[in-house]
Structure formats: C-alpha cells, structure tokens
Amino acid sequence: MCTQNQLTRRERKQEQLDQIAEVQEDLHTESPKVAEAIFLANYPDQSPSFFRRNYKYIISLTPEQLAQVIGYPDPTGETATNNVMKEQVAV
C-alpha cells in the first residue's frame, strides 16, 4: 500500500515528465530559432551551442531519458516559453 507522500511524489514526477514531453513536442513543431528559445527558456543552465549540437538527440529521447540526461526543466520555464511565443507573434 502506498502512502500519500509516495503518491504525491509519483504525481509530481509524472507532471514533470508531461512537461518535458510538451517541451519536446514544441521543439518538433517550431522553427529552429523558436525551438532553441523554448529549450533555453526551460533549461537555462544549457548553452545555445549544446542545443544546436544535440537537437536531434534531444527530440529523439523519451521524456524519461531526457530527464536522466539533462535533468528536469526549470519550473519557471513555462512563463519564459509563453513570453518567447508572445514575442514571435508580435514580430
């Protein structure tokens, strides 16, 4: 029997994996420039050159694999991504 705390951790992990999957989906559908901005907004500790070198690898991984390789996204990444998307619409 799982405790409430274990369920909460599992739910939180699943939410994080869902967020990673959404980021990966955005990377697939956007132009390279926008994809780079989205990635860097969610993973501010990574460099633009890292993204450019590993783009195909990043989008080919499952969310679980990406979390193991890079880690979980910055929790403020969603706001940053929305700001980038607003800038693209305004241009």
PDB file of N, CA and C in Angstrom:
ATOM      1  N   MET A   1       0.843  -1.177   0.000  1.00  0.00           N
ATOM      2  CA  MET A   1       0.000   0.000   0.000  1.00  0.00           C
ATOM      3  C   MET A   1       0.893   1.247   0.000  1.00  0.00           C
ATOM      4  N   CYS A   2       0.570   2.171  -0.872  1.00  0.00           N
ATOM      5  CA  CYS A   2       1.352   3.406  -0.994  1.00  0.00           C
ATOM      6  C   CYS A   2       0.872   4.434   0.015  1.00  0.00           C
ATOM      7  N   THR A   3       1.806   5.161   0.516  1.00  0.00           N
ATOM      8  CA  THR A   3       1.435   6.258   1.399  1.00  0.00           C
ATOM      9  C   THR A   3       1.076   7.467   0.549  1.00  0.00           C
ATOM     10  N   GLN A   4       0.450   8.429   1.145  1.00  0.00           N
ATOM     11  CA  GLN A   4       0.068   9.654   0.439  1.00  0.00           C
ATOM     12  C   GLN A   4       1.296  10.377  -0.101  1.00  0.00           C
ATOM     13  N   ASN A   5       2.382  10.355   0.681  1.00  0.00           N
ATOM     14  CA  ASN A   5       3.614  11.015   0.260  1.00  0.00           C
ATOM     15  C   ASN A   5       4.187  10.374  -1.005  1.00  0.00           C
ATOM     16  N   GLN A   6       4.145   9.022  -1.102  1.00  0.00           N
ATOM     17  CA  GLN A   6       4.637   8.327  -2.285  1.00  0.00           C
ATOM     18  C   GLN A   6       3.786   8.671  -3.505  1.00  0.00           C
ATOM     19  N   LEU A   7       2.484   8.742  -3.314  1.00  0.00           N
ATOM     20  CA  LEU A   7       1.601   9.105  -4.414  1.00  0.00           C
ATOM     21  C   LEU A   7       1.897  10.521  -4.896  1.00  0.00           C
ATOM     22  N   THR A   8       2.125  11.424  -3.976  1.00  0.00           N
ATOM     23  CA  THR A   8       2.416  12.803  -4.336  1.00  0.00           C
ATOM     24  C   THR A   8       3.709  12.880  -5.140  1.00  0.00           C
ATOM     25  N   ARG A   9       4.731  12.151  -4.724  1.00  0.00           N
ATOM     26  CA  ARG A   9       5.998  12.149  -5.464  1.00  0.00           C
ATOM     27  C   ARG A   9       5.812  11.588  -6.860  1.00  0.00           C
ATOM     28  N   ARG A  10       5.047  10.511  -6.979  1.00  0.00           N
ATOM     29  CA  ARG A  10       4.786   9.924  -8.295  1.00  0.00           C
ATOM     30  C   ARG A  10       4.018  10.893  -9.182  1.00  0.00           C
ATOM     31  N   GLU A  11       3.025  11.532  -8.605  1.00  0.00           N
ATOM     32  CA  GLU A  11       2.231  12.500  -9.371  1.00  0.00           C
ATOM     33  C   GLU A  11       3.102  13.670  -9.823  1.00  0.00           C
ATOM     34  N   ARG A  12       3.966  14.158  -8.945  1.00  0.00           N
ATOM     35  CA  ARG A  12       4.856  15.266  -9.276  1.00  0.00           C
ATOM     36  C   ARG A  12       5.818  14.863 -10.389  1.00  0.00           C
ATOM     37  N   LYS A  13       6.368  13.652 -10.284  1.00  0.00           N
ATOM     38  CA  LYS A  13       7.282  13.162 -11.320  1.00  0.00           C
ATOM     39  C   LYS A  13       6.553  13.038 -12.652  1.00  0.00           C
ATOM     40  N   GLN A  14       5.329  12.528 -12.622  1.00  0.00           N
ATOM     41  CA  GLN A  14       4.566  12.388 -13.861  1.00  0.00           C
ATOM     42  C   GLN A  14       4.251  13.751 -14.464  1.00  0.00           C
ATOM     43  N   GLU A  15       3.944  14.723 -13.632  1.00  0.00           N
ATOM     44  CA  GLU A  15       3.706  16.082 -14.128  1.00  0.00           C
ATOM     45  C   GLU A  15       4.960  16.644 -14.788  1.00  0.00           C
ATOM     46  N   GLN A  16       6.114  16.398 -14.173  1.00  0.00           N
ATOM     47  CA  GLN A  16       7.372  16.873 -14.745  1.00  0.00           C
ATOM     48  C   GLN A  16       7.658  16.180 -16.080  1.00  0.00           C
ATOM     49  N   LEU A  17       7.400  14.882 -16.154  1.00  0.00           N
ATOM     50  CA  LEU A  17       7.608  14.163 -17.407  1.00  0.00           C
ATOM     51  C   LEU A  17       6.637  14.641 -18.483  1.00  0.00           C
ATOM     52  N   ASP A  18       5.414  14.961 -18.084  1.00  0.00           N
ATOM     53  CA  ASP A  18       4.453  15.512 -19.032  1.00  0.00           C
ATOM     54  C   ASP A  18       4.929  16.864 -19.562  1.00  0.00           C
ATOM     55  N   GLN A  19       5.517  17.666 -18.680  1.00  0.00           N
ATOM     56  CA  GLN A  19       6.040  18.965 -19.090  1.00  0.00           C
ATOM     57  C   GLN A  19       7.199  18.783 -20.075  1.00  0.00           C
ATOM     58  N   ILE A  20       8.074  17.816 -19.816  1.00  0.00           N
ATOM     59  CA  ILE A  20       9.186  17.542 -20.724  1.00  0.00           C
ATOM     60  C   ILE A  20       8.646  17.103 -22.084  1.00  0.00           C
ATOM     61  N   ALA A  21       7.624  16.262 -22.078  1.00  0.00           N
ATOM     62  CA  ALA A  21       7.021  15.810 -23.336  1.00  0.00           C
ATOM     63  C   ALA A  21       6.449  16.991 -24.117  1.00  0.00           C
ATOM     64  N   GLU A  22       5.832  17.937 -23.415  1.00  0.00           N
ATOM     65  CA  GLU A  22       5.296  19.130 -24.081  1.00  0.00           C
ATOM     66  C   GLU A  22       6.413  19.967 -24.691  1.00  0.00           C
ATOM     67  N   VAL A  23       7.511  20.109 -23.967  1.00  0.00           N
ATOM     68  CA  VAL A  23       8.662  20.862 -24.487  1.00  0.00           C
ATOM     69  C   VAL A  23       9.188  20.170 -25.746  1.00  0.00           C
ATOM     70  N   GLN A  24       9.330  18.852 -25.679  1.00  0.00           N
ATOM     71  CA  GLN A  24       9.818  18.118 -26.847  1.00  0.00           C
ATOM     72  C   GLN A  24       8.865  18.268 -28.036  1.00  0.00           C
ATOM     73  N   GLU A  25       7.587  18.237 -27.790  1.00  0.00           N
ATOM     74  CA  GLU A  25       6.607  18.423 -28.865  1.00  0.00           C
ATOM     75  C   GLU A  25       6.761  19.810 -29.485  1.00  0.00           C
ATOM     76  N   ASP A  26       6.943  20.828 -28.648  1.00  0.00           N
ATOM     77  CA  ASP A  26       7.162  22.185 -29.154  1.00  0.00           C
ATOM     78  C   ASP A  26       8.432  22.257 -29.996  1.00  0.00           C
ATOM     79  N   LEU A  27       9.465  21.543 -29.587  1.00  0.00           N
ATOM     80  CA  LEU A  27      10.714  21.544 -30.331  1.00  0.00           C
ATOM     81  C   LEU A  27      10.522  20.938 -31.723  1.00  0.00           C
ATOM     82  N   HIS A  28       9.654  19.931 -31.810  1.00  0.00           N
ATOM     83  CA  HIS A  28       9.352  19.291 -33.093  1.00  0.00           C
ATOM     84  C   HIS A  28       8.622  20.228 -34.046  1.00  0.00           C
ATOM     85  N   THR A  29       7.709  21.010 -33.504  1.00  0.00           N
ATOM     86  CA  THR A  29       6.780  21.756 -34.360  1.00  0.00           C
ATOM     87  C   THR A  29       7.226  23.171 -34.681  1.00  0.00           C
ATOM     88  N   GLU A  30       8.190  23.696 -33.968  1.00  0.00           N
ATOM     89  CA  GLU A  30       8.600  25.083 -34.167  1.00  0.00           C
ATOM     90  C   GLU A  30       9.821  25.185 -35.073  1.00  0.00           C
ATOM     91  N   SER A  31      10.059  26.389 -35.569  1.00  0.00           N
ATOM     92  CA  SER A  31      11.256  26.654 -36.359  1.00  0.00           C
ATOM     93  C   SER A  31      12.482  26.471 -35.464  1.00  0.00           C
ATOM     94  N   PRO A  32      13.654  26.243 -36.056  1.00  0.00           N
ATOM     95  CA  PRO A  32      14.853  26.035 -35.227  1.00  0.00           C
ATOM     96  C   PRO A  32      15.133  27.187 -34.259  1.00  0.00           C
ATOM     97  N   LYS A  33      14.925  28.409 -34.691  1.00  0.00           N
ATOM     98  CA  LYS A  33      15.196  29.559 -33.827  1.00  0.00           C
ATOM     99  C   LYS A  33      14.251  29.576 -32.621  1.00  0.00           C
ATOM    100  N   VAL A  34      12.981  29.349 -32.874  1.00  0.00           N
ATOM    101  CA  VAL A  34      11.993  29.333 -31.795  1.00  0.00           C
ATOM    102  C   VAL A  34      12.224  28.111 -30.900  1.00  0.00           C
ATOM    103  N   ALA A  35      12.538  26.964 -31.498  1.00  0.00           N
ATOM    104  CA  ALA A  35      12.808  25.754 -30.717  1.00  0.00           C
ATOM    105  C   ALA A  35      13.977  25.984 -29.759  1.00  0.00           C
ATOM    106  N   GLU A  36      15.005  26.653 -30.247  1.00  0.00           N
ATOM    107  CA  GLU A  36      16.155  26.952 -29.390  1.00  0.00           C
ATOM    108  C   GLU A  36      15.744  27.845 -28.220  1.00  0.00           C
ATOM    109  N   ALA A  37      14.940  28.853 -28.498  1.00  0.00           N
ATOM    110  CA  ALA A  37      14.486  29.757 -27.432  1.00  0.00           C
ATOM    111  C   ALA A  37      13.646  29.013 -26.399  1.00  0.00           C
ATOM    112  N   ILE A  38      12.782  28.129 -26.862  1.00  0.00           N
ATOM    113  CA  ILE A  38      11.944  27.345 -25.948  1.00  0.00           C
ATOM    114  C   ILE A  38      12.823  26.457 -25.069  1.00  0.00           C
ATOM    115  N   PHE A  39      13.775  25.770 -25.691  1.00  0.00           N
ATOM    116  CA  PHE A  39      14.661  24.884 -24.937  1.00  0.00           C
ATOM    117  C   PHE A  39      15.443  25.661 -23.884  1.00  0.00           C
ATOM    118  N   LEU A  40      16.022  26.774 -24.292  1.00  0.00           N
ATOM    119  CA  LEU A  40      16.841  27.554 -23.360  1.00  0.00           C
ATOM    120  C   LEU A  40      16.007  28.197 -22.260  1.00  0.00           C
ATOM    121  N   ALA A  41      14.748  28.501 -22.545  1.00  0.00           N
ATOM    122  CA  ALA A  41      13.868  29.039 -21.503  1.00  0.00           C
ATOM    123  C   ALA A  41      13.569  27.979 -20.445  1.00  0.00           C
ATOM    124  N   ASN A  42      13.485  26.724 -20.874  1.00  0.00           N
ATOM    125  CA  ASN A  42      13.189  25.637 -19.948  1.00  0.00           C
ATOM    126  C   ASN A  42      14.434  25.046 -19.300  1.00  0.00           C
ATOM    127  N   TYR A  43      15.563  25.179 -19.959  1.00  0.00           N
ATOM    128  CA  TYR A  43      16.827  24.659 -19.434  1.00  0.00           C
ATOM    129  C   TYR A  43      17.868  25.770 -19.482  1.00  0.00           C
ATOM    130  N   PRO A  44      17.761  26.768 -18.609  1.00  0.00           N
ATOM    131  CA  PRO A  44      18.655  27.921 -18.665  1.00  0.00           C
ATOM    132  C   PRO A  44      20.118  27.586 -18.366  1.00  0.00           C
ATOM    133  N   ASP A  45      20.375  26.439 -17.792  1.00  0.00           N
ATOM    134  CA  ASP A  45      21.756  26.060 -17.499  1.00  0.00           C
ATOM    135  C   ASP A  45      22.461  25.450 -18.711  1.00  0.00           C
ATOM    136  N   GLN A  46      21.727  25.234 -19.794  1.00  0.00           N
ATOM    137  CA  GLN A  46      22.315  24.701 -21.024  1.00  0.00           C
ATOM    138  C   GLN A  46      22.655  25.851 -21.968  1.00  0.00           C
ATOM    139  N   SER A  47      23.642  25.641 -22.811  1.00  0.00           N
ATOM    140  CA  SER A  47      24.067  26.693 -23.734  1.00  0.00           C
ATOM    141  C   SER A  47      23.391  26.536 -25.087  1.00  0.00           C
ATOM    142  N   PRO A  48      23.319  27.627 -25.848  1.00  0.00           N
ATOM    143  CA  PRO A  48      22.767  27.527 -27.198  1.00  0.00           C
ATOM    144  C   PRO A  48      23.546  26.523 -28.059  1.00  0.00           C
ATOM    145  N   SER A  49      24.851  26.485 -27.916  1.00  0.00           N
ATOM    146  CA  SER A  49      25.633  25.539 -28.722  1.00  0.00           C
ATOM    147  C   SER A  49      25.320  24.091 -28.340  1.00  0.00           C
ATOM    148  N   PHE A  50      25.041  23.838 -27.059  1.00  0.00           N
ATOM    149  CA  PHE A  50      24.638  22.496 -26.639  1.00  0.00           C
ATOM    150  C   PHE A  50      23.357  22.091 -27.361  1.00  0.00           C
ATOM    151  N   PHE A  51      22.395  23.006 -27.409  1.00  0.00           N
ATOM    152  CA  PHE A  51      21.134  22.702 -28.074  1.00  0.00           C
ATOM    153  C   PHE A  51      21.361  22.438 -29.560  1.00  0.00           C
ATOM    154  N   ARG A  52      22.114  23.285 -30.213  1.00  0.00           N
ATOM    155  CA  ARG A  52      22.340  23.131 -31.652  1.00  0.00           C
ATOM    156  C   ARG A  52      23.045  21.815 -31.970  1.00  0.00           C
ATOM    157  N   ARG A  53      24.027  21.458 -31.160  1.00  0.00           N
ATOM    158  CA  ARG A  53      24.774  20.204 -31.391  1.00  0.00           C
ATOM    159  C   ARG A  53      23.915  18.969 -31.155  1.00  0.00           C
ATOM    160  N   ASN A  54      23.004  19.056 -30.193  1.00  0.00           N
ATOM    161  CA  ASN A  54      22.266  17.866 -29.758  1.00  0.00           C
ATOM    162  C   ASN A  54      20.782  17.890 -30.080  1.00  0.00           C
ATOM    163  N   TYR A  55      20.342  18.772 -30.948  1.00  0.00           N
ATOM    164  CA  TYR A  55      18.916  18.934 -31.227  1.00  0.00           C
ATOM    165  C   TYR A  55      18.243  17.607 -31.579  1.00  0.00           C
ATOM    166  N   LYS A  56      18.780  16.887 -32.553  1.00  0.00           N
ATOM    167  CA  LYS A  56      18.146  15.632 -32.990  1.00  0.00           C
ATOM    168  C   LYS A  56      18.128  14.608 -31.864  1.00  0.00           C
ATOM    169  N   TYR A  57      19.162  14.591 -31.061  1.00  0.00           N
ATOM    170  CA  TYR A  57      19.228  13.669 -29.930  1.00  0.00           C
ATOM    171  C   TYR A  57      18.169  14.048 -28.887  1.00  0.00           C
ATOM    172  N   ILE A  58      18.055  15.324 -28.603  1.00  0.00           N
ATOM    173  CA  ILE A  58      17.105  15.814 -27.599  1.00  0.00           C
ATOM    174  C   ILE A  58      15.674  15.430 -27.958  1.00  0.00           C
ATOM    175  N   ILE A  59      15.300  15.610 -29.224  1.00  0.00           N
ATOM    176  CA  ILE A  59      13.910  15.319 -29.594  1.00  0.00           C
ATOM    177  C   ILE A  59      13.658  13.827 -29.799  1.00  0.00           C
ATOM    178  N   SER A  60      14.734  13.037 -29.954  1.00  0.00           N
ATOM    179  CA  SER A  60      14.531  11.604 -30.159  1.00  0.00           C
ATOM    180  C   SER A  60      14.392  10.826 -28.849  1.00  0.00           C
ATOM    181  N   LEU A  61      14.808  11.424 -27.736  1.00  0.00           N
ATOM    182  CA  LEU A  61      14.728  10.745 -26.444  1.00  0.00           C
ATOM    183  C   LEU A  61      13.297  10.730 -25.923  1.00  0.00           C
ATOM    184  N   THR A  62      13.002   9.753 -25.096  1.00  0.00           N
ATOM    185  CA  THR A  62      11.733   9.785 -24.373  1.00  0.00           C
ATOM    186  C   THR A  62      11.865  10.836 -23.275  1.00  0.00           C
ATOM    187  N   PRO A  63      10.749  11.322 -22.732  1.00  0.00           N
ATOM    188  CA  PRO A  63      10.836  12.279 -21.628  1.00  0.00           C
ATOM    189  C   PRO A  63      11.666  11.753 -20.452  1.00  0.00           C
ATOM    190  N   GLU A  64      11.544  10.462 -20.158  1.00  0.00           N
ATOM    191  CA  GLU A  64      12.307   9.876 -19.056  1.00  0.00           C
ATOM    192  C   GLU A  64      13.804   9.926 -19.342  1.00  0.00           C
ATOM    193  N   GLN A  65      14.187   9.610 -20.580  1.00  0.00           N
ATOM    194  CA  GLN A  65      15.597   9.639 -20.949  1.00  0.00           C
ATOM    195  C   GLN A  65      16.150  11.059 -20.914  1.00  0.00           C
ATOM    196  N   LEU A  66      15.374  12.013 -21.425  1.00  0.00           N
ATOM    197  CA  LEU A  66      15.823  13.404 -21.411  1.00  0.00           C
ATOM    198  C   LEU A  66      16.015  13.894 -19.978  1.00  0.00           C
ATOM    199  N   ALA A  67      15.111  13.509 -19.086  1.00  0.00           N
ATOM    200  CA  ALA A  67      15.241  13.899 -17.680  1.00  0.00           C
ATOM    201  C   ALA A  67      16.516  13.311 -17.076  1.00  0.00           C
ATOM    202  N   GLN A  68      16.889  12.103 -17.468  1.00  0.00           N
ATOM    203  CA  GLN A  68      18.112  11.496 -16.953  1.00  0.00           C
ATOM    204  C   GLN A  68      19.352  12.181 -17.509  1.00  0.00           C
ATOM    205  N   VAL A  69      19.309  12.564 -18.778  1.00  0.00           N
ATOM    206  CA  VAL A  69      20.483  13.162 -19.416  1.00  0.00           C
ATOM    207  C   VAL A  69      20.668  14.612 -18.999  1.00  0.00           C
ATOM    208  N   ILE A  70      19.590  15.394 -19.042  1.00  0.00           N
ATOM    209  CA  ILE A  70      19.687  16.834 -18.806  1.00  0.00           C
ATOM    210  C   ILE A  70      19.151  17.234 -17.444  1.00  0.00           C
ATOM    211  N   GLY A  71      18.157  16.545 -16.983  1.00  0.00           N
ATOM    212  CA  GLY A  71      17.502  16.917 -15.735  1.00  0.00           C
ATOM    213  C   GLY A  71      16.103  17.425 -16.016  1.00  0.00           C
ATOM    214  N   TYR A  72      15.440  17.840 -15.002  1.00  0.00           N
ATOM    215  CA  TYR A  72      14.086  18.349 -15.149  1.00  0.00           C
ATOM    216  C   TYR A  72      14.140  19.827 -15.489  1.00  0.00           C
ATOM    217  N   PRO A  73      13.142  20.317 -16.236  1.00  0.00           N
ATOM    218  CA  PRO A  73      13.173  21.725 -16.635  1.00  0.00           C
ATOM    219  C   PRO A  73      13.017  22.678 -15.463  1.00  0.00           C
ATOM    220  N   ASP A  74      13.443  23.885 -15.709  1.00  0.00           N
ATOM    221  CA  ASP A  74      13.276  24.962 -14.744  1.00  0.00           C
ATOM    222  C   ASP A  74      11.778  25.174 -14.522  1.00  0.00           C
ATOM    223  N   PRO A  75      11.309  25.207 -13.282  1.00  0.00           N
ATOM    224  CA  PRO A  75       9.877  25.366 -13.052  1.00  0.00           C
ATOM    225  C   PRO A  75       9.319  26.684 -13.599  1.00  0.00           C
ATOM    226  N   THR A  76      10.181  27.676 -13.809  1.00  0.00           N
ATOM    227  CA  THR A  76       9.705  28.945 -14.375  1.00  0.00           C
ATOM    228  C   THR A  76       9.758  28.935 -15.900  1.00  0.00           C
ATOM    229  N   GLY A  77      10.148  27.831 -16.480  1.00  0.00           N
ATOM    230  CA  GLY A  77      10.276  27.739 -17.931  1.00  0.00           C
ATOM    231  C   GLY A  77       8.986  27.980 -18.676  1.00  0.00           C
ATOM    232  N   GLU A  78       7.871  27.596 -18.099  1.00  0.00           N
ATOM    233  CA  GLU A  78       6.597  27.789 -18.781  1.00  0.00           C
ATOM    234  C   GLU A  78       6.333  29.272 -19.014  1.00  0.00           C
ATOM    235  N   THR A  79       6.592  30.085 -18.034  1.00  0.00           N
ATOM    236  CA  THR A  79       6.411  31.526 -18.188  1.00  0.00           C
ATOM    237  C   THR A  79       7.354  32.069 -19.254  1.00  0.00           C
ATOM    238  N   ALA A  80       8.598  31.628 -19.218  1.00  0.00           N
ATOM    239  CA  ALA A  80       9.575  32.094 -20.203  1.00  0.00           C
ATOM    240  C   ALA A  80       9.168  31.664 -21.612  1.00  0.00           C
ATOM    241  N   THR A  81       8.678  30.448 -21.748  1.00  0.00           N
ATOM    242  CA  THR A  81       8.236  29.973 -23.058  1.00  0.00           C
ATOM    243  C   THR A  81       7.070  30.802 -23.563  1.00  0.00           C
ATOM    244  N   ASN A  82       6.130  31.089 -22.693  1.00  0.00           N
ATOM    245  CA  ASN A  82       4.994  31.922 -23.104  1.00  0.00           C
ATOM    246  C   ASN A  82       5.459  33.299 -23.555  1.00  0.00           C
ATOM    247  N   ASN A  83       6.452  33.851 -22.866  1.00  0.00           N
ATOM    248  CA  ASN A  83       6.986  35.158 -23.263  1.00  0.00           C
ATOM    249  C   ASN A  83       7.636  35.088 -24.641  1.00  0.00           C
ATOM    250  N   VAL A  84       8.373  34.035 -24.904  1.00  0.00           N
ATOM    251  CA  VAL A  84       9.007  33.863 -26.221  1.00  0.00           C
ATOM    252  C   VAL A  84       7.936  33.745 -27.300  1.00  0.00           C
ATOM    253  N   MET A  85       6.912  32.955 -27.025  1.00  0.00           N
ATOM    254  CA  MET A  85       5.849  32.779 -28.010  1.00  0.00           C
ATOM    255  C   MET A  85       5.127  34.093 -28.286  1.00  0.00           C
ATOM    256  N   LYS A  86       4.909  34.900 -27.255  1.00  0.00           N
ATOM    257  CA  LYS A  86       4.277  36.208 -27.452  1.00  0.00           C
ATOM    258  C   LYS A  86       5.131  37.098 -28.322  1.00  0.00           C
ATOM    259  N   GLU A  87       6.462  37.055 -28.121  1.00  0.00           N
ATOM    260  CA  GLU A  87       7.376  37.855 -28.935  1.00  0.00           C
ATOM    261  C   GLU A  87       7.312  37.425 -30.393  1.00  0.00           C
ATOM    262  N   GLN A  88       7.220  36.118 -30.644  1.00  0.00           N
ATOM    263  CA  GLN A  88       7.159  35.616 -32.018  1.00  0.00           C
ATOM    264  C   GLN A  88       5.869  36.052 -32.704  1.00  0.00           C
ATOM    265  N   VAL A  89       4.782  36.081 -31.967  1.00  0.00           N
ATOM    266  CA  VAL A  89       3.506  36.514 -32.539  1.00  0.00           C
ATOM    267  C   VAL A  89       3.559  38.006 -32.863  1.00  0.00           C
ATOM    268  N   ALA A  90       4.223  38.770 -32.026  1.00  0.00           N
ATOM    269  CA  ALA A  90       4.293  40.208 -32.216  1.00  0.00           C
ATOM    270  C   ALA A  90       5.174  40.584 -33.409  1.00  0.00           C
ATOM    271  N   VAL A  91       6.092  39.720 -33.792  1.00  0.00           N
ATOM    272  CA  VAL A  91       7.021  40.036 -34.881  1.00  0.00           C
ATOM    273  C   VAL A  91       6.386  39.903 -36.211  1.00  0.00           C
TER     274      VAL A  91
END
